[in-house]
Amino acid sequence: MTFRLILRNSSPPSVSPYRLLDEQDRELAWANAFLDAQRVRQLSLRSLRAYGYDLLHLARWLHLTRHPLAKINQSLLLDYARYQLDQLPKPTPSTINHRLGVLHCLYRFHYGREIPGGKAHFHRNYTTRSPLGYGRPHRRVTTALRLRQPRCVVVPLSADQVARFWNTFRTFRDLAIVALMLLDGLRSCEVLQLQLEDLSISERGTTTQRGCRSRKAVVTRRCGRP
């Protein structure tokens, strides 16, 4: 049996426009009920689309292995992770972790409890800190299967790389936009949406400062700081 994810723009606002269907165009009730609940939570369409493709992958695996959703346990989670690692092209660890996370949420949504253990049990210790950055770290224990994800290391740009970056700007307009972004902490999408009436240009000087504190302000955003 084949499954597919479709987009129905005519769906009511309280119903997810993304629907999972089988080869006979029948809806998968367990998947679409979960998507509808996420729609009620006011998730974005991009999030619903991501959930939909994760559920589509899960539906194909459940049909292939003949495992019902109610019988999922930690051992079957390990089989599901192995199945994904054996696929070509192999998905990234973050993609597999997201699919496993969606499966955990789906199981809690339908059965009101965590996925039970099987022959395999996963215990992982990790530490958490205060979001303010102070205090002692607290140890936590989780039984969820999770693949190790490579950490991204931020490397500062060298002087030559910065020079090449500035050399890519050919016009004074490009330089003015970049200077405005650096000055006011703007993002590129906000700069592109700026209109002429959003700018208040002073005739007193060239010094630019922010908000009501400026005496010689040349740029003032009506919409406020980002």
C-alpha atoms as a PDB file:
ATOM      1  CA  MET A   1       0.000   0.000   0.000  1.00  0.00           C
ATOM      2  CA  THR A   2       1.253   3.470  -0.839  1.00  0.00           C
ATOM      3  CA  PHE A   3       0.710   6.603   1.216  1.00  0.00           C
ATOM      4  CA  ARG A   4       0.992  10.239   0.246  1.00  0.00           C
ATOM      5  CA  LEU A   5       0.782  13.678   1.804  1.00  0.00           C
ATOM      6  CA  ILE A   6      -1.440  16.256   0.110  1.00  0.00           C
ATOM      7  CA  LEU A   7      -2.274  19.912   0.699  1.00  0.00           C
ATOM      8  CA  ARG A   8      -5.922  20.975   0.827  1.00  0.00           C
ATOM      9  CA  ASN A   9      -6.199  24.741   0.815  1.00  0.00           C
ATOM     10  CA  SER A  10      -9.974  24.530   1.258  1.00  0.00           C
ATOM     11  CA  SER A  11      -9.701  23.086   4.778  1.00  0.00           C
ATOM     12  CA  PRO A  12     -11.293  25.066   7.661  1.00  0.00           C
ATOM     13  CA  PRO A  13      -8.907  27.114   9.820  1.00  0.00           C
ATOM     14  CA  SER A  14      -9.207  24.601  12.670  1.00  0.00           C
ATOM     15  CA  VAL A  15      -8.193  21.653  10.457  1.00  0.00           C
ATOM     16  CA  SER A  16      -4.721  20.927   9.162  1.00  0.00           C
ATOM     17  CA  PRO A  17      -4.498  21.520   5.402  1.00  0.00           C
ATOM     18  CA  TYR A  18      -1.931  18.710   5.161  1.00  0.00           C
ATOM     19  CA  ARG A  19      -3.606  15.287   5.016  1.00  0.00           C
ATOM     20  CA  LEU A  20      -2.216  11.762   4.832  1.00  0.00           C
ATOM     21  CA  LEU A  21      -4.033   9.489   2.397  1.00  0.00           C
ATOM     22  CA  ASP A  22      -3.649   5.881   1.323  1.00  0.00           C
ATOM     23  CA  GLU A  23      -3.739   4.597  -2.254  1.00  0.00           C
ATOM     24  CA  GLN A  24      -7.553   4.638  -2.191  1.00  0.00           C
ATOM     25  CA  ASP A  25      -7.624   8.297  -1.065  1.00  0.00           C
ATOM     26  CA  ARG A  26      -8.786   7.338   2.402  1.00  0.00           C
ATOM     27  CA  GLU A  27      -7.478   9.436   5.282  1.00  0.00           C
ATOM     28  CA  LEU A  28      -5.223   7.954   7.947  1.00  0.00           C
ATOM     29  CA  ALA A  29      -7.252   8.830  11.019  1.00  0.00           C
ATOM     30  CA  TRP A  30      -4.448   8.391  13.565  1.00  0.00           C
ATOM     31  CA  ALA A  31      -2.114  10.693  11.634  1.00  0.00           C
ATOM     32  CA  ASN A  32      -4.590  13.377  10.576  1.00  0.00           C
ATOM     33  CA  ALA A  33      -6.086  13.628  14.067  1.00  0.00           C
ATOM     34  CA  PHE A  34      -2.595  14.443  15.362  1.00  0.00           C
ATOM     35  CA  LEU A  35      -2.072  17.040  12.618  1.00  0.00           C
ATOM     36  CA  ASP A  36      -5.433  18.635  13.420  1.00  0.00           C
ATOM     37  CA  ALA A  37      -4.399  18.940  17.071  1.00  0.00           C
ATOM     38  CA  GLN A  38      -1.195  20.720  16.047  1.00  0.00           C
ATOM     39  CA  ARG A  39      -3.267  23.055  13.876  1.00  0.00           C
ATOM     40  CA  VAL A  40      -5.419  23.926  16.892  1.00  0.00           C
ATOM     41  CA  ARG A  41      -2.178  24.747  18.722  1.00  0.00           C
ATOM     42  CA  GLN A  42      -1.589  27.358  15.994  1.00  0.00           C
ATOM     43  CA  LEU A  43       1.571  25.795  14.595  1.00  0.00           C
ATOM     44  CA  SER A  44       2.805  27.298  11.352  1.00  0.00           C
ATOM     45  CA  LEU A  45       2.161  25.655   8.000  1.00  0.00           C
ATOM     46  CA  ARG A  46       5.850  24.819   7.697  1.00  0.00           C
ATOM     47  CA  SER A  47       5.739  22.960  11.023  1.00  0.00           C
ATOM     48  CA  LEU A  48       2.615  21.083   9.943  1.00  0.00           C
ATOM     49  CA  ARG A  49       4.324  20.164   6.692  1.00  0.00           C
ATOM     50  CA  ALA A  50       7.358  18.841   8.581  1.00  0.00           C
ATOM     51  CA  TYR A  51       5.108  16.828  10.907  1.00  0.00           C
ATOM     52  CA  GLY A  52       3.231  15.508   7.898  1.00  0.00           C
ATOM     53  CA  TYR A  53       6.331  14.168   6.165  1.00  0.00           C
ATOM     54  CA  ASP A  54       7.561  12.594   9.401  1.00  0.00           C
ATOM     55  CA  LEU A  55       4.204  10.868   9.832  1.00  0.00           C
ATOM     56  CA  LEU A  56       4.279   9.792   6.184  1.00  0.00           C
ATOM     57  CA  HIS A  57       7.651   8.112   6.744  1.00  0.00           C
ATOM     58  CA  LEU A  58       6.328   6.467   9.916  1.00  0.00           C
ATOM     59  CA  ALA A  59       3.167   5.213   8.170  1.00  0.00           C
ATOM     60  CA  ARG A  60       5.234   3.539   5.466  1.00  0.00           C
ATOM     61  CA  TRP A  61       7.452   1.839   8.027  1.00  0.00           C
ATOM     62  CA  LEU A  62       4.482   0.634  10.114  1.00  0.00           C
ATOM     63  CA  HIS A  63       2.841  -0.808   7.009  1.00  0.00           C
ATOM     64  CA  LEU A  64       6.087  -2.452   5.893  1.00  0.00           C
ATOM     65  CA  THR A  65       6.777  -4.082   9.272  1.00  0.00           C
ATOM     66  CA  ARG A  66       3.104  -4.809  10.110  1.00  0.00           C
ATOM     67  CA  HIS A  67       3.473  -3.150  13.515  1.00  0.00           C
ATOM     68  CA  PRO A  68       0.409  -1.355  14.916  1.00  0.00           C
ATOM     69  CA  LEU A  69       0.977   2.002  16.575  1.00  0.00           C
ATOM     70  CA  ALA A  70      -0.400   0.728  19.877  1.00  0.00           C
ATOM     71  CA  LYS A  71       2.337  -1.932  20.107  1.00  0.00           C
ATOM     72  CA  ILE A  72       5.274   0.462  19.731  1.00  0.00           C
ATOM     73  CA  ASN A  73       7.941   0.061  22.419  1.00  0.00           C
ATOM     74  CA  GLN A  74      11.587   0.966  22.944  1.00  0.00           C
ATOM     75  CA  SER A  75      12.772  -2.130  21.063  1.00  0.00           C
ATOM     76  CA  LEU A  76      10.742  -1.174  17.995  1.00  0.00           C
ATOM     77  CA  LEU A  77      12.131   2.359  18.234  1.00  0.00           C
ATOM     78  CA  LEU A  78      15.594   0.845  17.858  1.00  0.00           C
ATOM     79  CA  ASP A  79      14.406  -1.091  14.795  1.00  0.00           C
ATOM     80  CA  TYR A  80      12.932   2.105  13.351  1.00  0.00           C
ATOM     81  CA  ALA A  81      16.247   3.932  13.800  1.00  0.00           C
ATOM     82  CA  ARG A  82      18.136   1.037  12.167  1.00  0.00           C
ATOM     83  CA  TYR A  83      15.709   1.056   9.258  1.00  0.00           C
ATOM     84  CA  GLN A  84      16.451   4.723   8.625  1.00  0.00           C
ATOM     85  CA  LEU A  85      20.220   4.301   8.913  1.00  0.00           C
ATOM     86  CA  ASP A  86      20.104   1.567   6.256  1.00  0.00           C
ATOM     87  CA  GLN A  87      18.347   3.799   3.732  1.00  0.00           C
ATOM     88  CA  LEU A  88      20.108   5.510   0.846  1.00  0.00           C
ATOM     89  CA  PRO A  89      20.711   8.367   1.013  1.00  0.00           C
ATOM     90  CA  LYS A  90      21.157   8.017   4.765  1.00  0.00           C
ATOM     91  CA  PRO A  91      19.276  10.707   6.716  1.00  0.00           C
ATOM     92  CA  THR A  92      21.158  12.948   9.095  1.00  0.00           C
ATOM     93  CA  PRO A  93      21.039  12.294  12.875  1.00  0.00           C
ATOM     94  CA  SER A  94      18.953  15.443  13.348  1.00  0.00           C
ATOM     95  CA  THR A  95      16.351  14.140  10.875  1.00  0.00           C
ATOM     96  CA  ILE A  96      16.161  10.766  12.643  1.00  0.00           C
ATOM     97  CA  ASN A  97      15.911  12.445  16.048  1.00  0.00           C
ATOM     98  CA  HIS A  98      13.077  14.648  14.787  1.00  0.00           C
ATOM     99  CA  ARG A  99      11.181  11.621  13.478  1.00  0.00           C
ATOM    100  CA  LEU A 100      11.648   9.810  16.781  1.00  0.00           C
ATOM    101  CA  GLY A 101      10.459  12.901  18.634  1.00  0.00           C
ATOM    102  CA  VAL A 102       7.329  13.093  16.488  1.00  0.00           C
ATOM    103  CA  LEU A 103       6.664   9.425  17.204  1.00  0.00           C
ATOM    104  CA  HIS A 104       6.916  10.085  20.955  1.00  0.00           C
ATOM    105  CA  CYS A 105       4.484  13.007  20.665  1.00  0.00           C
ATOM    106  CA  LEU A 106       2.119  10.928  18.532  1.00  0.00           C
ATOM    107  CA  TYR A 107       2.104   8.091  21.060  1.00  0.00           C
ATOM    108  CA  ARG A 108       1.443  10.459  23.982  1.00  0.00           C
ATOM    109  CA  PHE A 109      -1.345  12.123  22.006  1.00  0.00           C
ATOM    110  CA  HIS A 110      -3.220   8.866  21.386  1.00  0.00           C
ATOM    111  CA  TYR A 111      -2.473   6.891  24.545  1.00  0.00           C
ATOM    112  CA  GLY A 112      -1.654   9.498  27.195  1.00  0.00           C
ATOM    113  CA  ARG A 113       1.629   7.901  28.307  1.00  0.00           C
ATOM    114  CA  GLU A 114       5.216   7.478  27.255  1.00  0.00           C
ATOM    115  CA  ILE A 115       6.324   4.663  24.977  1.00  0.00           C
ATOM    116  CA  PRO A 116       6.860   1.589  27.169  1.00  0.00           C
ATOM    117  CA  GLY A 117      10.097  -0.339  27.363  1.00  0.00           C
ATOM    118  CA  GLY A 118      10.820  -3.570  25.556  1.00  0.00           C
ATOM    119  CA  LYS A 119      13.904  -5.728  25.324  1.00  0.00           C
ATOM    120  CA  ALA A 120      15.961  -2.579  24.824  1.00  0.00           C
ATOM    121  CA  HIS A 121      16.136   0.232  27.375  1.00  0.00           C
ATOM    122  CA  PHE A 122      17.841   3.561  26.855  1.00  0.00           C
ATOM    123  CA  HIS A 123      19.026   5.536  29.848  1.00  0.00           C
ATOM    124  CA  ARG A 124      20.934   8.714  29.156  1.00  0.00           C
ATOM    125  CA  ASN A 125      22.194  11.196  31.712  1.00  0.00           C
ATOM    126  CA  TYR A 126      22.558  14.849  30.855  1.00  0.00           C
ATOM    127  CA  THR A 127      22.923  18.125  32.702  1.00  0.00           C
ATOM    128  CA  THR A 128      20.915  21.324  32.475  1.00  0.00           C
ATOM    129  CA  ARG A 129      21.735  24.839  33.600  1.00  0.00           C
ATOM    130  CA  SER A 130      19.680  27.887  34.414  1.00  0.00           C
ATOM    131  CA  PRO A 131      18.742  29.893  31.313  1.00  0.00           C
ATOM    132  CA  LEU A 132      20.319  32.888  33.059  1.00  0.00           C
ATOM    133  CA  GLY A 133      23.671  31.085  33.115  1.00  0.00           C
ATOM    134  CA  TYR A 134      24.220  30.806  36.859  1.00  0.00           C
ATOM    135  CA  GLY A 135      23.706  28.154  39.507  1.00  0.00           C
ATOM    136  CA  ARG A 136      24.768  24.555  39.717  1.00  0.00           C
ATOM    137  CA  PRO A 137      23.959  22.202  36.818  1.00  0.00           C
ATOM    138  CA  HIS A 138      21.184  19.689  37.435  1.00  0.00           C
ATOM    139  CA  ARG A 139      21.370  16.078  36.331  1.00  0.00           C
ATOM    140  CA  ARG A 140      18.509  14.647  34.314  1.00  0.00           C
ATOM    141  CA  VAL A 141      17.787  11.109  33.129  1.00  0.00           C
ATOM    142  CA  THR A 142      15.898  10.258  29.953  1.00  0.00           C
ATOM    143  CA  THR A 143      14.888   6.918  28.483  1.00  0.00           C
ATOM    144  CA  ALA A 144      14.273   8.207  24.944  1.00  0.00           C
ATOM    145  CA  LEU A 145      16.408   6.944  22.077  1.00  0.00           C
ATOM    146  CA  ARG A 146      18.414   9.758  20.548  1.00  0.00           C
ATOM    147  CA  LEU A 147      21.275   9.754  18.074  1.00  0.00           C
ATOM    148  CA  ARG A 148      24.357  11.819  18.720  1.00  0.00           C
ATOM    149  CA  GLN A 149      24.415  14.939  16.583  1.00  0.00           C
ATOM    150  CA  PRO A 150      27.669  16.595  15.524  1.00  0.00           C
ATOM    151  CA  ARG A 151      28.157  19.970  17.137  1.00  0.00           C
ATOM    152  CA  CYS A 152      28.804  22.989  14.977  1.00  0.00           C
ATOM    153  CA  VAL A 153      31.883  24.959  15.921  1.00  0.00           C
ATOM    154  CA  VAL A 154      31.692  28.677  15.187  1.00  0.00           C
ATOM    155  CA  VAL A 155      34.989  29.856  13.709  1.00  0.00           C
ATOM    156  CA  PRO A 156      35.537  33.628  13.480  1.00  0.00           C
ATOM    157  CA  LEU A 157      36.281  35.087  10.075  1.00  0.00           C
ATOM    158  CA  SER A 158      39.815  36.017   9.237  1.00  0.00           C
ATOM    159  CA  ALA A 159      40.821  39.494   8.092  1.00  0.00           C
ATOM    160  CA  ASP A 160      41.100  38.296   4.494  1.00  0.00           C
ATOM    161  CA  GLN A 161      37.603  36.797   4.594  1.00  0.00           C
ATOM    162  CA  VAL A 162      36.153  40.024   5.976  1.00  0.00           C
ATOM    163  CA  ALA A 163      37.939  41.985   3.254  1.00  0.00           C
ATOM    164  CA  ARG A 164      36.544  39.696   0.541  1.00  0.00           C
ATOM    165  CA  PHE A 165      33.072  40.135   2.033  1.00  0.00           C
ATOM    166  CA  TRP A 166      33.247  43.915   1.856  1.00  0.00           C
ATOM    167  CA  ASN A 167      34.620  43.767  -1.680  1.00  0.00           C
ATOM    168  CA  THR A 168      31.448  42.026  -2.846  1.00  0.00           C
ATOM    169  CA  PHE A 169      29.466  45.260  -2.420  1.00  0.00           C
ATOM    170  CA  ARG A 170      29.666  47.216  -5.676  1.00  0.00           C
ATOM    171  CA  THR A 171      27.361  50.167  -5.087  1.00  0.00           C
ATOM    172  CA  PHE A 172      26.878  52.781  -2.387  1.00  0.00           C
ATOM    173  CA  ARG A 173      23.317  51.499  -1.973  1.00  0.00           C
ATOM    174  CA  ASP A 174      24.580  48.070  -0.895  1.00  0.00           C
ATOM    175  CA  LEU A 175      27.005  49.659   1.550  1.00  0.00           C
ATOM    176  CA  ALA A 176      24.231  51.863   2.965  1.00  0.00           C
ATOM    177  CA  ILE A 177      21.940  48.845   3.527  1.00  0.00           C
ATOM    178  CA  VAL A 178      24.694  46.903   5.308  1.00  0.00           C
ATOM    179  CA  ALA A 179      25.549  49.938   7.440  1.00  0.00           C
ATOM    180  CA  LEU A 180      21.882  50.330   8.398  1.00  0.00           C
ATOM    181  CA  MET A 181      21.680  46.652   9.363  1.00  0.00           C
ATOM    182  CA  LEU A 182      24.814  46.864  11.492  1.00  0.00           C
ATOM    183  CA  LEU A 183      23.690  50.091  13.130  1.00  0.00           C
ATOM    184  CA  ASP A 184      20.171  49.108  14.103  1.00  0.00           C
ATOM    185  CA  GLY A 185      20.508  45.325  14.456  1.00  0.00           C
ATOM    186  CA  LEU A 186      18.168  44.707  11.536  1.00  0.00           C
ATOM    187  CA  ARG A 187      17.754  41.454   9.670  1.00  0.00           C
ATOM    188  CA  SER A 188      17.842  41.318   5.902  1.00  0.00           C
ATOM    189  CA  CYS A 189      14.097  40.636   5.553  1.00  0.00           C
ATOM    190  CA  GLU A 190      13.294  43.728   7.636  1.00  0.00           C
ATOM    191  CA  VAL A 191      15.538  45.905   5.495  1.00  0.00           C
ATOM    192  CA  LEU A 192      13.887  44.661   2.315  1.00  0.00           C
ATOM    193  CA  GLN A 193      10.458  45.518   3.768  1.00  0.00           C
ATOM    194  CA  LEU A 194      11.416  49.080   4.722  1.00  0.00           C
ATOM    195  CA  GLN A 195       9.544  51.812   2.912  1.00  0.00           C
ATOM    196  CA  LEU A 196      10.552  55.408   2.372  1.00  0.00           C
ATOM    197  CA  GLU A 197       7.972  56.638   4.880  1.00  0.00           C
ATOM    198  CA  ASP A 198       9.565  54.406   7.550  1.00  0.00           C
ATOM    199  CA  LEU A 199      12.667  56.617   7.502  1.00  0.00           C
ATOM    200  CA  SER A 200      12.946  60.088   8.989  1.00  0.00           C
ATOM    201  CA  ILE A 201      15.974  61.900   7.591  1.00  0.00           C
ATOM    202  CA  SER A 202      17.277  64.847   9.590  1.00  0.00           C
ATOM    203  CA  GLU A 203      18.861  67.863   7.955  1.00  0.00           C
ATOM    204  CA  ARG A 204      21.214  68.666  10.824  1.00  0.00           C
ATOM    205  CA  GLY A 205      24.038  66.231  10.280  1.00  0.00           C
ATOM    206  CA  THR A 206      25.266  62.808   9.370  1.00  0.00           C
ATOM    207  CA  THR A 207      25.383  61.303  12.849  1.00  0.00           C
ATOM    208  CA  THR A 208      22.919  58.449  13.340  1.00  0.00           C
ATOM    209  CA  GLN A 209      21.602  57.392  16.722  1.00  0.00           C
ATOM    210  CA  ARG A 210      18.630  55.418  17.954  1.00  0.00           C
ATOM    211  CA  GLY A 211      15.175  56.311  19.245  1.00  0.00           C
ATOM    212  CA  CYS A 212      14.163  59.319  21.229  1.00  0.00           C
ATOM    213  CA  ARG A 213      17.637  59.637  22.811  1.00  0.00           C
ATOM    214  CA  SER A 214      19.205  60.924  19.587  1.00  0.00           C
ATOM    215  CA  ARG A 215      19.701  64.613  18.983  1.00  0.00           C
ATOM    216  CA  LYS A 216      20.971  64.250  15.447  1.00  0.00           C
ATOM    217  CA  ALA A 217      19.062  61.113  14.500  1.00  0.00           C
ATOM    218  CA  VAL A 218      18.797  60.435  10.799  1.00  0.00           C
ATOM    219  CA  VAL A 219      17.085  57.071  10.938  1.00  0.00           C
ATOM    220  CA  THR A 220      14.066  56.277  13.094  1.00  0.00           C
ATOM    221  CA  ARG A 221      12.001  53.145  12.623  1.00  0.00           C
ATOM    222  CA  ARG A 222       8.273  53.714  13.098  1.00  0.00           C
ATOM    223  CA  CYS A 223       7.725  50.038  13.778  1.00  0.00           C
ATOM    224  CA  GLY A 224      10.086  50.035  16.763  1.00  0.00           C
ATOM    225  CA  ARG A 225      13.251  48.091  17.481  1.00  0.00           C
ATOM    226  CA  PRO A 226      13.391  44.445  16.321  1.00  0.00           C
END
